[in-house]
Amino acid sequence: MKIQFRKPYYLLKAFLLSSLLLIFAIILSYCLNINENFNFQPNDSSNNIISSGHNADKNEKQKGAHVFGIVDSTDFDPLIQNNIEWITLVSWGYQKDFDSPNVTHHDGDSVYMKKHDLHWSDKIKQVREAGFKVFFKPHLWITEPRNNTWRADIYPTSDENWEIWKDTYRNFILRYAKVAEEGKADMFCIGIEFSRLTIDKPQYWIDLIKEIKSVYSGKLTYAANWFKEFEEITFWDHLDYIGIQAYFPLVKNTYPTVKQISKGWKKYLPSIKATSKRFNRQILFTEMGYKSTSDSALVPWDWMEKPEGKHKVYSIETQANCYEAFFNSVWIEDWFAGVHIWQLRTDHKEVHSINDKNFTPQWKPAEMIIAKGFESICD
């Protein structure tokens, strides 16, 4: 009697074991295919050819974050644990005010420039060797702004000043495009939030894009302001992605729920989708972030460094709700290519996050929501 019962037991055990091995083989094959797609090289001649990407699945979306501070091998583990696959590196150029004609970037000092450029190309290589992709994103900083003006207000006051500005900006952006090529950055940003200049002077940007492509072989985007810029730009088809600095105001109240914030996204999605369809390009949020304050969905662009920042009310729950609503409402769209979160710091410790109202999600509930939103079957 014992022998008669053991035979079907072992047959069942063998069947279950073979089934598990088959399932494992399927998952392994799927993961290898994803990794194969992940490791593309920016020097591939096919990189400047892009379709709308409307059939892209979740695993192909860019899972990025702006990372500041010293980047070395000891800093990568928290990023890996949060399922971040892209690191956004920011270099800087400077302009005195919105009507100043000169863009400066340590130009003129050839020794310093060579050393500085080598530092950036080495950092890009280091990040890529650690298994991440790199989005290199030069920013232009207004050093002495008047009357609350910022880079969206930059505009020449005369034809002469326009000639100076376009030449000095060209020198600045081509310099860093060459650095991006030397470091083999996967994507490069040609400009950020020049709302008036991009809409009024499109030919300048078309010509500039052509020049950048002559020295840089990776993907290209531009980071347009969410307000009255991204949908007005006419040269998106010369780039690989439609980039948006996604600081959309989503509610009219403090302490909003996930449901309220998700509802706020609905009024913007049709325009974003229409722009994607018009130019046959996917949408990339080149920057998106939320403070740990009760009004972070109401005025997400507000910097804590402003005088009114000290009056804001601490709320890590609101920050977490903003990210959860984003993953529920935007991340799932097939026209959406990914996001680069603002911002993380390599020197940020748990003690720094106690009552910290700023943008970093580190050591806060938002960090877990981002990690969950970015995870995939192979994580």
Protein backbone atom coordinates (compact mmCIF):
# COMPACT_ATOMS: atom_id res chain seq x y z
CA MET A 1 0.00 0.00 0.00
CA LYS A 2 2.83 2.44 0.76
CA ILE A 3 4.48 1.84 -2.62
CA GLN A 4 1.23 2.47 -4.42
CA PHE A 5 0.85 5.89 -2.76
CA ARG A 6 4.43 7.03 -3.22
CA LYS A 7 4.45 6.79 -7.02
CA PRO A 8 1.87 9.53 -7.69
CA TYR A 9 3.47 11.70 -4.99
CA TYR A 10 6.84 11.66 -6.74
CA LEU A 11 5.23 12.19 -10.12
CA LEU A 12 3.45 15.26 -8.77
CA LYS A 13 6.67 16.55 -7.21
CA ALA A 14 8.55 16.12 -10.50
CA PHE A 15 5.76 17.89 -12.41
CA LEU A 16 5.78 20.88 -10.03
CA LEU A 17 9.58 21.14 -10.20
CA SER A 18 9.64 21.11 -13.99
CA SER A 19 6.88 23.76 -14.09
CA LEU A 20 8.84 26.05 -11.78
CA LEU A 21 11.96 25.65 -13.93
CA LEU A 22 9.95 26.54 -17.04
CA ILE A 23 8.52 29.70 -15.39
CA PHE A 24 12.01 30.72 -14.24
CA ALA A 25 13.39 30.26 -17.76
CA ILE A 26 10.63 32.48 -19.21
CA ILE A 27 11.29 35.26 -16.67
CA LEU A 28 15.06 35.01 -17.22
CA SER A 29 14.62 35.31 -20.98
CA TYR A 30 12.36 38.35 -20.49
CA CYS A 31 14.90 40.05 -18.20
CA LEU A 32 17.77 39.42 -20.61
CA ASN A 33 15.77 41.08 -23.39
CA ILE A 34 15.20 44.14 -21.18
CA ASN A 35 18.89 44.34 -20.27
CA GLU A 36 19.80 44.03 -23.94
CA ASN A 37 17.66 47.09 -24.68
CA PHE A 38 19.07 48.93 -21.64
CA ASN A 39 22.72 48.78 -22.72
CA PHE A 40 22.59 50.87 -25.90
CA GLN A 41 25.63 52.93 -26.84
CA PRO A 42 25.25 56.64 -27.69
CA ASN A 43 27.65 56.36 -30.61
CA ASP A 44 25.32 53.99 -32.45
CA SER A 45 24.31 55.68 -35.71
CA SER A 46 20.68 54.68 -35.09
CA ASN A 47 20.40 56.89 -31.99
CA ASN A 48 19.23 59.94 -33.91
CA ILE A 49 16.29 58.02 -35.34
CA ILE A 50 13.25 57.88 -33.10
CA SER A 51 9.60 57.00 -33.45
CA SER A 52 6.71 58.13 -31.32
CA GLY A 53 7.28 55.19 -29.01
CA HIS A 54 3.58 54.69 -28.42
CA ASN A 55 4.12 50.95 -27.95
CA ALA A 56 6.80 51.37 -25.28
CA ASP A 57 6.06 49.47 -22.09
CA LYS A 58 6.65 50.54 -18.51
CA ASN A 59 10.10 48.94 -18.30
CA GLU A 60 11.45 51.19 -21.06
CA LYS A 61 10.59 54.46 -19.32
CA GLN A 62 13.41 56.62 -18.02
CA LYS A 63 13.64 56.32 -14.24
CA GLY A 64 15.87 59.25 -13.40
CA ALA A 65 16.86 61.71 -10.71
CA HIS A 66 19.01 64.84 -10.53
CA VAL A 67 21.87 63.88 -8.23
CA PHE A 68 24.04 66.53 -6.57
CA GLY A 69 27.14 66.17 -4.43
CA ILE A 70 30.28 64.10 -4.88
CA VAL A 71 29.45 60.99 -6.89
CA ASP A 72 31.57 57.91 -6.25
CA SER A 73 31.05 54.16 -5.97
CA THR A 74 29.87 54.42 -2.34
CA ASP A 75 26.97 56.68 -3.32
CA PHE A 76 25.26 54.38 -5.81
CA ASP A 77 23.62 51.79 -3.52
CA PRO A 78 20.69 54.01 -2.38
CA LEU A 79 19.97 54.89 -6.01
CA ILE A 80 19.97 51.23 -7.02
CA GLN A 81 17.70 50.35 -4.09
CA ASN A 82 15.23 53.01 -5.28
CA ASN A 83 15.22 51.50 -8.80
CA ILE A 84 16.78 54.63 -10.34
CA GLU A 85 18.36 53.85 -13.70
CA TRP A 86 19.27 57.36 -14.96
CA ILE A 87 21.39 59.95 -13.16
CA THR A 88 20.92 63.55 -14.25
CA LEU A 89 24.10 65.64 -13.94
CA VAL A 90 23.90 69.44 -14.00
CA SER A 91 26.65 71.83 -15.08
CA TRP A 92 26.25 75.60 -14.90
CA GLY A 93 26.48 78.74 -17.01
CA TYR A 94 25.75 82.26 -15.76
CA GLN A 95 24.02 85.44 -16.87
CA LYS A 96 23.77 88.60 -14.79
CA ASP A 97 20.11 89.41 -15.50
CA PHE A 98 17.35 88.66 -18.00
CA ASP A 99 18.47 91.48 -20.32
CA SER A 100 22.23 90.88 -20.07
CA PRO A 101 23.79 89.87 -23.40
CA ASN A 102 26.61 87.68 -22.08
CA VAL A 103 26.50 84.03 -21.05
CA THR A 104 29.62 83.14 -19.05
CA HIS A 105 31.02 79.73 -18.11
CA HIS A 106 34.62 80.23 -17.01
CA ASP A 107 35.44 80.96 -20.65
CA GLY A 108 38.76 82.59 -21.38
CA ASP A 109 40.74 80.56 -18.84
CA SER A 110 41.80 77.65 -21.04
CA VAL A 111 43.65 75.79 -18.26
CA TYR A 112 40.67 75.90 -15.93
CA MET A 113 38.23 74.97 -18.70
CA LYS A 114 40.27 71.94 -19.72
CA LYS A 115 40.46 70.74 -16.11
CA HIS A 116 36.76 71.41 -15.53
CA ASP A 117 35.69 69.61 -18.71
CA LEU A 118 37.84 66.60 -17.82
CA HIS A 119 36.17 66.49 -14.41
CA TRP A 120 32.73 66.31 -16.03
CA SER A 121 33.61 63.74 -18.66
CA ASP A 122 35.24 61.54 -15.99
CA LYS A 123 32.15 61.83 -13.79
CA ILE A 124 29.87 60.82 -16.68
CA LYS A 125 32.09 57.81 -17.41
CA GLN A 126 32.12 56.82 -13.74
CA VAL A 127 28.34 56.89 -13.50
CA ARG A 128 27.93 54.88 -16.69
CA GLU A 129 30.49 52.31 -15.53
CA ALA A 130 28.35 51.83 -12.42
CA GLY A 131 25.49 50.72 -14.69
CA PHE A 132 23.46 53.93 -14.92
CA LYS A 133 22.53 55.99 -17.93
CA VAL A 134 23.43 59.67 -17.87
CA PHE A 135 21.34 62.73 -18.77
CA PHE A 136 23.73 65.71 -19.00
CA LYS A 137 21.75 68.90 -18.43
CA PRO A 138 23.52 72.29 -18.41
CA HIS A 139 21.57 75.01 -16.55
CA LEU A 140 21.82 78.77 -17.01
CA TRP A 141 21.69 80.66 -13.70
CA ILE A 142 20.64 84.32 -13.37
CA THR A 143 23.04 85.74 -10.79
CA GLU A 144 21.49 89.19 -10.11
CA PRO A 145 17.79 89.03 -11.09
CA ARG A 146 15.58 92.13 -10.86
CA ASN A 147 11.84 92.24 -10.19
CA ASN A 148 11.46 88.46 -9.81
CA THR A 149 12.65 87.83 -13.37
CA TRP A 150 14.33 84.54 -14.28
CA ARG A 151 15.64 82.68 -17.33
CA ALA A 152 12.18 82.42 -18.94
CA ASP A 153 12.32 86.23 -19.25
CA ILE A 154 15.67 86.31 -21.08
CA TYR A 155 15.32 88.38 -24.24
CA PRO A 156 17.69 90.69 -26.17
CA THR A 157 17.13 94.43 -25.79
CA SER A 158 18.62 95.14 -29.22
CA ASP A 159 19.83 93.38 -32.37
CA GLU A 160 23.40 93.89 -31.21
CA ASN A 161 22.69 92.27 -27.85
CA TRP A 162 20.93 89.37 -29.58
CA GLU A 163 24.04 88.67 -31.65
CA ILE A 164 26.17 88.65 -28.49
CA TRP A 165 23.76 86.42 -26.55
CA LYS A 166 23.29 83.81 -29.26
CA ASP A 167 27.06 83.54 -29.82
CA THR A 168 27.93 83.30 -26.12
CA TYR A 169 25.15 80.78 -25.45
CA ARG A 170 26.23 78.77 -28.49
CA ASN A 171 29.80 78.62 -27.12
CA PHE A 172 28.48 77.53 -23.72
CA ILE A 173 26.18 74.74 -24.94
CA LEU A 174 28.59 73.40 -27.60
CA ARG A 175 31.32 73.20 -24.96
CA TYR A 176 29.18 70.90 -22.82
CA ALA A 177 27.89 68.95 -25.82
CA LYS A 178 31.53 68.02 -26.51
CA VAL A 179 31.94 67.03 -22.85
CA ALA A 180 28.81 64.87 -23.15
CA GLU A 181 30.27 63.15 -26.21
CA GLU A 182 33.64 62.60 -24.54
CA GLY A 183 31.96 61.00 -21.52
CA LYS A 184 29.46 59.14 -23.74
CA ALA A 185 26.42 60.58 -21.96
CA ASP A 186 23.23 58.89 -23.13
CA MET A 187 21.22 62.11 -23.46
CA PHE A 188 21.95 65.85 -23.61
CA CYS A 189 19.78 68.89 -22.97
CA ILE A 190 20.22 71.84 -25.35
CA GLY A 191 18.54 74.43 -23.09
CA ILE A 192 16.16 75.02 -20.21
CA GLU A 193 13.08 77.23 -19.89
CA PHE A 194 13.91 80.01 -22.38
CA SER A 195 10.20 80.60 -22.98
CA ARG A 196 10.41 83.79 -25.05
CA LEU A 197 13.48 82.85 -27.06
CA THR A 198 12.28 79.40 -28.12
CA ILE A 199 8.90 80.65 -29.32
CA ASP A 200 10.07 83.87 -31.01
CA LYS A 201 13.36 82.65 -32.50
CA PRO A 202 12.91 79.01 -33.57
CA GLN A 203 15.45 79.16 -36.41
CA TYR A 204 18.25 79.88 -33.97
CA TRP A 205 17.44 76.65 -32.12
CA ILE A 206 17.09 74.61 -35.30
CA ASP A 207 20.54 75.76 -36.44
CA LEU A 208 21.97 75.17 -32.97
CA ILE A 209 20.58 71.63 -32.84
CA LYS A 210 22.28 70.88 -36.16
CA GLU A 211 25.60 72.12 -34.75
CA ILE A 212 25.18 70.10 -31.57
CA LYS A 213 24.52 66.96 -33.61
CA SER A 214 27.83 67.51 -35.39
CA VAL A 215 29.73 67.07 -32.08
CA TYR A 216 27.38 64.88 -30.01
CA SER A 217 25.87 61.56 -31.11
CA GLY A 218 23.43 60.71 -28.29
CA LYS A 219 19.78 61.57 -27.71
CA LEU A 220 18.74 65.23 -27.54
CA THR A 221 15.97 67.09 -25.78
CA TYR A 222 15.07 70.60 -24.64
CA ALA A 223 13.56 71.30 -21.18
CA ALA A 224 10.54 73.54 -21.78
CA ASN A 225 8.61 75.35 -19.10
CA TRP A 226 5.21 73.81 -18.29
CA PHE A 227 3.57 77.24 -18.60
CA LYS A 228 2.92 78.50 -22.14
CA GLU A 229 6.06 77.09 -23.69
CA PHE A 230 6.11 73.35 -24.41
CA GLU A 231 2.93 73.45 -26.52
CA GLU A 232 4.11 76.56 -28.46
CA ILE A 233 7.55 75.32 -29.53
CA THR A 234 7.72 74.46 -33.25
CA PHE A 235 11.05 72.60 -33.47
CA TRP A 236 10.31 69.46 -31.41
CA ASP A 237 10.65 67.26 -34.48
CA HIS A 238 14.37 68.16 -34.62
CA LEU A 239 14.86 66.55 -31.19
CA ASP A 240 14.37 63.04 -29.80
CA TYR A 241 12.03 63.88 -26.91
CA ILE A 242 9.62 66.64 -25.95
CA GLY A 243 11.02 67.75 -22.60
CA ILE A 244 8.89 69.44 -19.95
CA GLN A 245 9.86 70.97 -16.63
CA ALA A 246 6.75 69.55 -14.99
CA TYR A 247 5.87 71.95 -12.18
CA PHE A 248 2.18 72.01 -13.04
CA PRO A 249 -0.09 73.42 -10.30
CA LEU A 250 -2.47 70.56 -9.59
CA VAL A 251 -4.80 71.74 -6.82
CA LYS A 252 -6.11 74.91 -5.20
CA ASN A 253 -5.81 73.77 -1.60
CA THR A 254 -3.18 72.70 0.90
CA TYR A 255 -2.91 69.13 2.22
CA PRO A 256 -4.52 67.61 -0.91
CA THR A 257 -5.38 63.92 -1.17
CA VAL A 258 -4.04 61.58 -3.84
CA LYS A 259 -7.47 61.65 -5.48
CA GLN A 260 -7.51 65.46 -5.64
CA ILE A 261 -4.00 65.64 -7.12
CA SER A 262 -4.78 62.92 -9.67
CA LYS A 263 -7.85 64.89 -10.74
CA GLY A 264 -5.61 67.95 -11.19
CA TRP A 265 -3.49 66.10 -13.75
CA LYS A 266 -6.53 65.47 -15.95
CA LYS A 267 -6.75 69.08 -17.16
CA TYR A 268 -3.16 68.97 -18.52
CA LEU A 269 -2.97 65.49 -20.02
CA PRO A 270 -4.98 66.24 -23.21
CA SER A 271 -2.65 69.12 -24.20
CA ILE A 272 0.46 67.07 -23.38
CA LYS A 273 -0.83 64.10 -25.37
CA ALA A 274 -1.79 66.32 -28.32
CA THR A 275 1.72 67.80 -28.44
CA SER A 276 3.21 64.31 -28.43
CA LYS A 277 0.93 63.25 -31.29
CA ARG A 278 1.56 66.44 -33.30
CA PHE A 279 5.33 65.95 -33.40
CA ASN A 280 5.42 62.13 -33.18
CA ARG A 281 7.65 62.32 -30.11
CA GLN A 282 7.29 60.94 -26.60
CA ILE A 283 6.98 63.27 -23.62
CA LEU A 284 9.83 63.34 -21.12
CA PHE A 285 9.57 65.14 -17.79
CA THR A 286 13.10 66.57 -17.75
CA GLU A 287 12.42 67.81 -14.23
CA MET A 288 9.71 67.20 -11.64
CA GLY A 289 9.82 67.55 -7.90
CA TYR A 290 7.74 68.31 -4.83
CA LYS A 291 8.68 69.95 -1.57
CA SER A 292 7.75 68.48 1.80
CA THR A 293 5.21 71.24 2.39
CA SER A 294 1.44 71.44 2.56
CA ASP A 295 1.31 73.58 -0.62
CA SER A 296 3.67 71.49 -2.78
CA ALA A 297 0.92 70.54 -5.26
CA LEU A 298 -0.40 74.12 -5.28
CA VAL A 299 2.87 75.92 -6.13
CA PRO A 300 5.39 73.15 -6.88
CA TRP A 301 7.89 75.57 -8.49
CA ASP A 302 8.36 77.66 -5.33
CA TRP A 303 11.89 77.43 -3.96
CA MET A 304 12.42 77.22 -0.21
CA GLU A 305 15.21 79.79 -0.53
CA LYS A 306 12.67 82.53 -1.25
CA PRO A 307 11.81 84.78 1.75
CA GLU A 308 8.30 83.32 1.97
CA GLY A 309 9.77 79.82 2.20
CA LYS A 310 10.18 80.07 5.97
CA HIS A 311 6.41 80.40 6.37
CA LYS A 312 5.60 77.14 4.56
CA VAL A 313 4.14 74.29 6.60
CA TYR A 314 5.99 70.98 6.80
CA SER A 315 4.09 68.03 5.29
CA ILE A 316 5.78 64.83 4.14
CA GLU A 317 2.31 63.38 3.53
CA THR A 318 1.58 65.98 0.81
CA GLN A 319 4.90 65.26 -0.89
CA ALA A 320 4.14 61.53 -0.86
CA ASN A 321 0.62 62.11 -2.21
CA CYS A 322 2.04 64.13 -5.11
CA TYR A 323 4.30 61.27 -6.22
CA GLU A 324 1.59 58.65 -5.80
CA ALA A 325 -0.78 60.72 -7.94
CA PHE A 326 1.92 61.10 -10.60
CA PHE A 327 2.45 57.34 -10.86
CA ASN A 328 -1.31 56.78 -10.96
CA SER A 329 -2.03 59.43 -13.60
CA VAL A 330 1.00 60.15 -15.85
CA TRP A 331 3.49 57.31 -15.55
CA ILE A 332 1.05 54.79 -17.04
CA GLU A 333 0.51 56.70 -20.30
CA ASP A 334 2.03 55.13 -23.43
CA TRP A 335 3.16 58.53 -24.79
CA PHE A 336 5.17 59.14 -21.63
CA ALA A 337 8.93 58.40 -21.83
CA GLY A 338 9.92 58.92 -18.20
CA VAL A 339 10.88 61.40 -15.49
CA HIS A 340 14.00 62.95 -13.93
CA ILE A 341 13.18 63.81 -10.32
CA TRP A 342 14.44 66.95 -8.59
CA GLN A 343 16.50 66.28 -6.50
CA LEU A 344 18.70 63.84 -4.55
CA ARG A 345 21.98 64.49 -2.73
CA THR A 346 24.77 61.99 -2.16
CA ASP A 347 25.65 63.66 1.16
CA HIS A 348 22.06 63.62 2.47
CA LYS A 349 21.69 61.69 5.75
CA GLU A 350 18.61 60.59 7.67
CA VAL A 351 19.15 63.29 10.28
CA HIS A 352 19.00 65.95 7.52
CA SER A 353 15.42 64.97 6.67
CA ILE A 354 13.97 65.74 10.10
CA ASN A 355 11.56 68.63 9.46
CA ASP A 356 13.25 69.21 6.08
CA LYS A 357 10.78 71.06 3.82
CA ASN A 358 12.91 70.94 0.70
CA PHE A 359 12.56 68.89 -2.50
CA THR A 360 14.56 65.80 -1.63
CA PRO A 361 12.41 62.68 -1.08
CA GLN A 362 15.28 60.94 0.74
CA TRP A 363 14.42 59.37 4.12
CA LYS A 364 10.78 60.37 3.62
CA PRO A 365 7.66 58.37 2.62
CA ALA A 366 7.97 59.74 -0.94
CA GLU A 367 11.21 57.77 -1.37
CA MET A 368 9.39 54.44 -0.97
CA ILE A 369 6.65 55.54 -3.37
CA ILE A 370 9.24 56.43 -6.02
CA ALA A 371 11.04 53.10 -5.55
CA LYS A 372 7.75 51.22 -5.91
CA GLY A 373 6.71 53.27 -8.95
CA PHE A 374 10.05 52.61 -10.64
CA GLU A 375 10.22 48.89 -9.90
CA SER A 376 9.75 46.28 -12.64
CA ILE A 377 9.44 42.50 -12.85
CA CYS A 378 13.22 42.14 -13.05
CA ASP A 379 14.07 44.35 -10.06
